[in-house]
Amino acid sequence: MTENMQSASVDPIEVVRRHSLTTLVRDEIERHIVDGTLAPGDKLNEADWAARLQVSRGPVREAFRALEQAGLVRTEKNRGVFVRTVSLVEADEIYAVRAVLEEAACRLLAARIDAGQLAMLRDWVDTMRAACAVRDRDGYARANVAFHDALVAAAGNAKLHETYRRLVSELSLFRRAALVVRVDAMERSLAEHRAILTALASRDADQAAALIRAHVEGGLQRARAACGAACGAACGAAGEVVRDACDEVADGAADGVDAAVANVKRRRA
């Protein structure tokens, strides 16, 4: 009986190995989502990821479940797993919580910041400046995320940092467009980061907290504007299709609006 129980027991080494593989797979897919390589709406293929990472499909399947729990992907029955789209309402809520967390982090950090932490934050600002100079939006976005993560981590509150990271991973699905909608978006963002860094270096907790809140709220406004611009472009394109279709109906080139719309879409394809 003892032998049967031992043979049926789970190998602890196998459990650890499988857990580690799942974590590695999840982290790799999350990195692609956060840096924009995988965009909202992209489909994740279990077999493709297993082949790419040279693992079995089990850890990939478990990684998908973990990413779904984190709010980064969604599972559609009979269709598969997709990178999730964050709505404007959800983004509003996430930005509101993020502002509170980063304001608290700035207050904590201003009281304890040391030369090493200051140098690290300054390095990320320098990286943002270099990316801004060559209009590298992706490079700027990565340095931006790293600056804020380093700031919150340096505050010294592990739970605060853990909560912040969960929020920011989800928010990455929404906010990258904010750097595209205005030609001066990176310059404005860079100036705000410099001001935050100056306040922290001066150990001015109130100023740093006020600046980080304004920066986060400004990011939300830029992201909203980006959504508005995208919606306007989509509506404009749809309007052109409808207008051309109506012209076809009026000219007798199509029998009904549905047929006319199909004709116009076929020509534009």
Protein backbone atom coordinates (compact mmCIF):
# COMPACT_ATOMS: atom_id res chain seq x y z
CA MET A 1 0.00 0.00 0.00
CA THR A 2 2.84 2.34 0.86
CA GLU A 3 4.51 1.58 -2.46
CA ASN A 4 1.27 2.35 -4.33
CA MET A 5 0.89 5.63 -2.47
CA GLN A 6 4.48 6.59 -3.27
CA SER A 7 4.09 5.73 -6.95
CA ALA A 8 0.88 7.77 -7.14
CA SER A 9 2.37 10.78 -5.37
CA VAL A 10 3.44 13.83 -7.31
CA ASP A 11 7.15 14.28 -7.93
CA PRO A 12 8.01 17.60 -6.20
CA ILE A 13 10.87 18.24 -8.63
CA GLU A 14 8.46 17.87 -11.55
CA VAL A 15 6.01 20.27 -9.88
CA VAL A 16 8.73 22.89 -9.43
CA ARG A 17 10.00 22.39 -12.98
CA ARG A 18 6.52 22.73 -14.47
CA HIS A 19 5.75 25.80 -12.34
CA SER A 20 9.04 27.41 -13.39
CA LEU A 21 8.34 26.69 -17.06
CA THR A 22 4.85 28.17 -16.80
CA THR A 23 6.26 31.29 -15.15
CA LEU A 24 8.92 31.67 -17.83
CA VAL A 25 6.37 31.24 -20.62
CA ARG A 26 3.94 33.66 -18.99
CA ASP A 27 6.66 36.27 -18.47
CA GLU A 28 7.82 35.99 -22.09
CA ILE A 29 4.31 36.39 -23.52
CA GLU A 30 3.57 39.23 -21.09
CA ARG A 31 6.76 40.99 -22.22
CA HIS A 32 5.55 40.85 -25.82
CA ILE A 33 2.18 42.28 -24.77
CA VAL A 34 3.63 45.05 -22.62
CA ASP A 35 6.16 46.21 -25.23
CA GLY A 36 3.50 46.24 -27.96
CA THR A 37 4.85 43.36 -30.05
CA LEU A 38 1.50 41.69 -29.41
CA ALA A 39 -1.33 44.17 -29.93
CA PRO A 40 -4.90 44.11 -28.58
CA GLY A 41 -6.92 41.64 -30.65
CA ASP A 42 -3.93 39.49 -31.67
CA LYS A 43 -4.54 35.75 -31.39
CA LEU A 44 -2.19 33.61 -29.30
CA ASN A 45 -1.58 30.15 -30.73
CA GLU A 46 -0.71 27.47 -28.17
CA ALA A 47 1.27 25.30 -30.59
CA ASP A 48 3.20 28.27 -32.01
CA TRP A 49 4.29 29.46 -28.57
CA ALA A 50 5.24 25.93 -27.50
CA ALA A 51 7.44 25.59 -30.60
CA ARG A 52 8.91 29.07 -30.23
CA LEU A 53 9.88 28.55 -26.59
CA GLN A 54 10.72 24.85 -27.05
CA VAL A 55 8.38 23.64 -24.32
CA SER A 56 5.38 21.32 -24.26
CA ARG A 57 1.91 22.76 -24.70
CA GLY A 58 0.99 22.22 -21.03
CA PRO A 59 3.01 25.17 -19.63
CA VAL A 60 1.77 27.38 -22.47
CA ARG A 61 -1.84 26.49 -21.66
CA GLU A 62 -1.24 27.27 -17.98
CA ALA A 63 0.50 30.53 -18.92
CA PHE A 64 -2.56 31.54 -20.96
CA ARG A 65 -4.75 30.93 -17.92
CA ALA A 66 -2.45 33.03 -15.72
CA LEU A 67 -2.48 35.85 -18.28
CA GLU A 68 -6.27 35.71 -18.41
CA GLN A 69 -6.43 36.03 -14.62
CA ALA A 70 -4.10 39.03 -14.89
CA GLY A 71 -6.50 40.66 -17.36
CA LEU A 72 -4.10 40.60 -20.31
CA VAL A 73 -5.84 38.04 -22.54
CA ARG A 74 -9.34 36.72 -23.06
CA THR A 75 -10.53 33.26 -24.08
CA GLU A 76 -13.31 32.98 -26.66
CA LYS A 77 -15.08 29.63 -26.89
CA ASN A 78 -14.27 27.76 -30.11
CA ARG A 79 -12.07 30.66 -31.27
CA GLY A 80 -9.02 30.72 -29.01
CA VAL A 81 -7.05 33.14 -26.85
CA PHE A 82 -6.66 36.81 -27.77
CA VAL A 83 -4.81 39.81 -26.36
CA ARG A 84 -7.48 41.76 -24.54
CA THR A 85 -8.68 45.26 -25.44
CA VAL A 86 -9.05 47.66 -22.50
CA SER A 87 -12.08 49.94 -22.80
CA LEU A 88 -11.96 53.66 -22.07
CA VAL A 89 -14.08 53.12 -18.94
CA GLU A 90 -11.66 50.48 -17.64
CA ALA A 91 -8.70 52.71 -18.46
CA ASP A 92 -10.25 55.58 -16.50
CA GLU A 93 -10.53 53.33 -13.45
CA ILE A 94 -7.00 51.96 -13.81
CA TYR A 95 -5.47 55.42 -14.27
CA ALA A 96 -7.30 56.65 -11.15
CA VAL A 97 -5.81 53.86 -9.04
CA ARG A 98 -2.41 54.28 -10.66
CA ALA A 99 -2.37 57.98 -9.75
CA VAL A 100 -3.00 57.13 -6.09
CA LEU A 101 -0.31 54.43 -6.04
CA GLU A 102 2.36 56.56 -7.72
CA GLU A 103 1.55 59.56 -5.55
CA ALA A 104 2.06 57.38 -2.46
CA ALA A 105 5.29 55.98 -3.93
CA CYS A 106 6.67 59.48 -4.56
CA ARG A 107 5.95 60.53 -0.99
CA LEU A 108 7.70 57.44 0.36
CA LEU A 109 10.65 57.75 -2.01
CA ALA A 110 11.24 61.47 -1.45
CA ALA A 111 11.95 60.74 2.21
CA ARG A 112 14.43 57.93 1.55
CA ILE A 113 15.94 58.36 -1.91
CA ASP A 114 19.68 57.72 -2.13
CA ALA A 115 22.33 58.49 -4.73
CA GLY A 116 22.04 55.07 -6.37
CA GLN A 117 18.28 55.31 -6.79
CA LEU A 118 18.58 58.83 -8.12
CA ALA A 119 21.23 57.75 -10.64
CA MET A 120 19.05 54.86 -11.82
CA LEU A 121 16.05 57.13 -12.41
CA ARG A 122 18.27 59.68 -14.13
CA ASP A 123 19.59 56.95 -16.45
CA TRP A 124 16.02 56.10 -17.52
CA VAL A 125 15.28 59.77 -18.17
CA ASP A 126 18.44 59.95 -20.29
CA THR A 127 17.26 56.89 -22.22
CA MET A 128 13.91 58.60 -22.81
CA ARG A 129 15.71 61.72 -24.00
CA ALA A 130 17.77 59.71 -26.50
CA ALA A 131 14.66 57.93 -27.81
CA CYS A 132 12.82 61.23 -28.10
CA ALA A 133 15.67 62.75 -30.12
CA VAL A 134 15.35 60.07 -32.83
CA ARG A 135 11.53 59.78 -32.59
CA ASP A 136 11.76 56.18 -31.33
CA ARG A 137 8.30 55.79 -29.78
CA ASP A 138 8.79 52.13 -28.88
CA GLY A 139 12.12 52.82 -27.19
CA TYR A 140 10.61 55.77 -25.37
CA ALA A 141 7.64 53.70 -24.19
CA ARG A 142 9.94 50.99 -22.81
CA ALA A 143 12.09 53.51 -20.92
CA ASN A 144 8.96 55.26 -19.65
CA VAL A 145 7.59 52.02 -18.21
CA ALA A 146 10.98 51.20 -16.67
CA PHE A 147 11.26 54.66 -15.04
CA HIS A 148 7.90 54.35 -13.32
CA ASP A 149 8.53 50.76 -12.26
CA ALA A 150 11.92 51.72 -10.80
CA LEU A 151 10.36 54.68 -8.98
CA VAL A 152 7.65 52.57 -7.34
CA ALA A 153 10.10 49.76 -6.51
CA ALA A 154 12.50 52.25 -4.88
CA ALA A 155 9.72 53.43 -2.55
CA GLY A 156 10.39 50.29 -0.52
CA ASN A 157 6.84 48.94 -0.18
CA ALA A 158 6.65 45.47 -1.76
CA LYS A 159 2.84 45.28 -1.74
CA LEU A 160 2.56 48.70 -3.35
CA HIS A 161 4.96 47.62 -6.09
CA GLU A 162 3.16 44.31 -6.63
CA THR A 163 -0.22 46.04 -6.97
CA TYR A 164 1.26 48.67 -9.28
CA ARG A 165 2.78 46.05 -11.58
CA ARG A 166 -0.53 44.24 -12.00
CA LEU A 167 -2.21 47.50 -12.97
CA VAL A 168 0.48 48.63 -15.36
CA SER A 169 0.56 45.34 -17.25
CA GLU A 170 -3.15 45.72 -17.97
CA LEU A 171 -2.80 49.41 -18.77
CA SER A 172 -0.12 48.71 -21.38
CA LEU A 173 -2.96 47.39 -23.59
CA PHE A 174 -4.36 50.90 -23.75
CA ARG A 175 -1.82 53.66 -23.31
CA ARG A 176 0.83 53.26 -26.04
CA ALA A 177 -1.32 55.18 -28.54
CA ALA A 178 -1.02 58.27 -26.33
CA LEU A 179 2.51 58.89 -27.64
CA VAL A 180 1.29 58.90 -31.25
CA VAL A 181 -1.67 61.28 -31.21
CA ARG A 182 0.39 64.49 -30.71
CA VAL A 183 3.66 65.30 -32.41
CA ASP A 184 5.00 66.80 -29.18
CA ALA A 185 3.72 64.03 -26.88
CA MET A 186 7.17 62.61 -26.15
CA GLU A 187 8.65 66.05 -25.49
CA ARG A 188 5.85 66.91 -23.06
CA SER A 189 6.18 63.55 -21.33
CA LEU A 190 9.97 63.92 -21.07
CA ALA A 191 9.65 67.37 -19.48
CA GLU A 192 7.23 65.95 -16.91
CA HIS A 193 9.62 63.12 -16.01
CA ARG A 194 12.47 65.58 -15.58
CA ALA A 195 10.37 67.70 -13.23
CA ILE A 196 9.43 64.64 -11.15
CA LEU A 197 13.09 63.65 -10.92
CA THR A 198 14.08 67.16 -9.81
CA ALA A 199 11.44 67.14 -7.06
CA LEU A 200 12.61 63.74 -5.81
CA ALA A 201 16.25 64.85 -5.84
CA SER A 202 15.21 67.85 -3.71
CA ARG A 203 13.30 65.49 -1.36
CA ASP A 204 10.20 67.61 -1.92
CA ALA A 205 7.48 65.02 -1.26
CA ASP A 206 4.53 67.34 -1.87
CA GLN A 207 5.90 68.60 -5.18
CA ALA A 208 6.87 65.13 -6.39
CA ALA A 209 3.42 63.76 -5.49
CA ALA A 210 1.63 66.64 -7.21
CA LEU A 211 3.77 66.29 -10.35
CA ILE A 212 3.30 62.52 -10.62
CA ARG A 213 -0.47 62.87 -10.24
CA ALA A 214 -0.57 65.56 -12.94
CA HIS A 215 1.63 63.39 -15.16
CA VAL A 216 -0.61 60.32 -14.79
CA GLU A 217 -3.77 62.38 -15.36
CA GLY A 218 -2.14 63.98 -18.40
CA GLY A 219 -1.32 60.50 -19.73
CA LEU A 220 -4.99 59.60 -19.45
CA GLN A 221 -6.00 62.72 -21.38
CA ARG A 222 -3.47 61.92 -24.13
CA ALA A 223 -4.72 58.34 -24.31
CA ARG A 224 -8.33 59.56 -24.51
CA ALA A 225 -7.36 61.87 -27.35
CA ALA A 226 -5.67 58.94 -29.11
CA CYS A 227 -8.86 56.90 -28.80
CA GLY A 228 -10.86 59.81 -30.15
CA ALA A 229 -8.52 60.19 -33.11
CA ALA A 230 -8.71 56.47 -33.89
CA CYS A 231 -12.49 56.52 -33.62
CA GLY A 232 -12.68 59.57 -35.85
CA ALA A 233 -10.51 57.93 -38.48
CA ALA A 234 -12.64 54.78 -38.39
CA CYS A 235 -15.85 56.79 -38.62
CA GLY A 236 -14.40 58.84 -41.48
CA ALA A 237 -13.51 55.70 -43.44
CA ALA A 238 -16.94 54.22 -42.80
CA GLY A 239 -18.55 57.47 -43.90
CA GLU A 240 -16.65 57.41 -47.19
CA VAL A 241 -17.86 53.86 -47.88
CA VAL A 242 -21.48 54.81 -47.19
CA ARG A 243 -21.25 57.96 -49.31
CA ASP A 244 -19.75 56.08 -52.27
CA ALA A 245 -22.37 53.35 -51.89
CA CYS A 246 -25.18 55.91 -51.97
CA ASP A 247 -23.68 57.35 -55.16
CA GLU A 248 -23.76 53.88 -56.73
CA VAL A 249 -27.42 53.42 -55.83
CA ALA A 250 -28.29 56.87 -57.18
CA ASP A 251 -26.43 56.13 -60.42
CA GLY A 252 -28.16 52.76 -60.80
CA ALA A 253 -24.82 50.95 -60.56
CA ALA A 254 -26.05 48.70 -57.74
CA ASP A 255 -29.34 47.15 -56.73
CA GLY A 256 -29.78 48.32 -53.14
CA VAL A 257 -27.50 49.75 -50.46
CA ASP A 258 -26.16 46.37 -49.29
CA ALA A 259 -24.98 45.48 -52.78
CA ALA A 260 -23.49 48.94 -53.24
CA VAL A 261 -21.55 48.75 -49.96
CA ALA A 262 -20.21 45.33 -50.99
CA ASN A 263 -19.09 46.79 -54.35
CA VAL A 264 -17.30 49.72 -52.68
CA LYS A 265 -15.55 47.49 -50.14
CA ARG A 266 -14.45 45.14 -52.91
CA ARG A 267 -12.89 48.01 -54.85
CA ARG A 268 -11.13 49.33 -51.75
CA ALA A 269 -9.74 45.92 -50.75
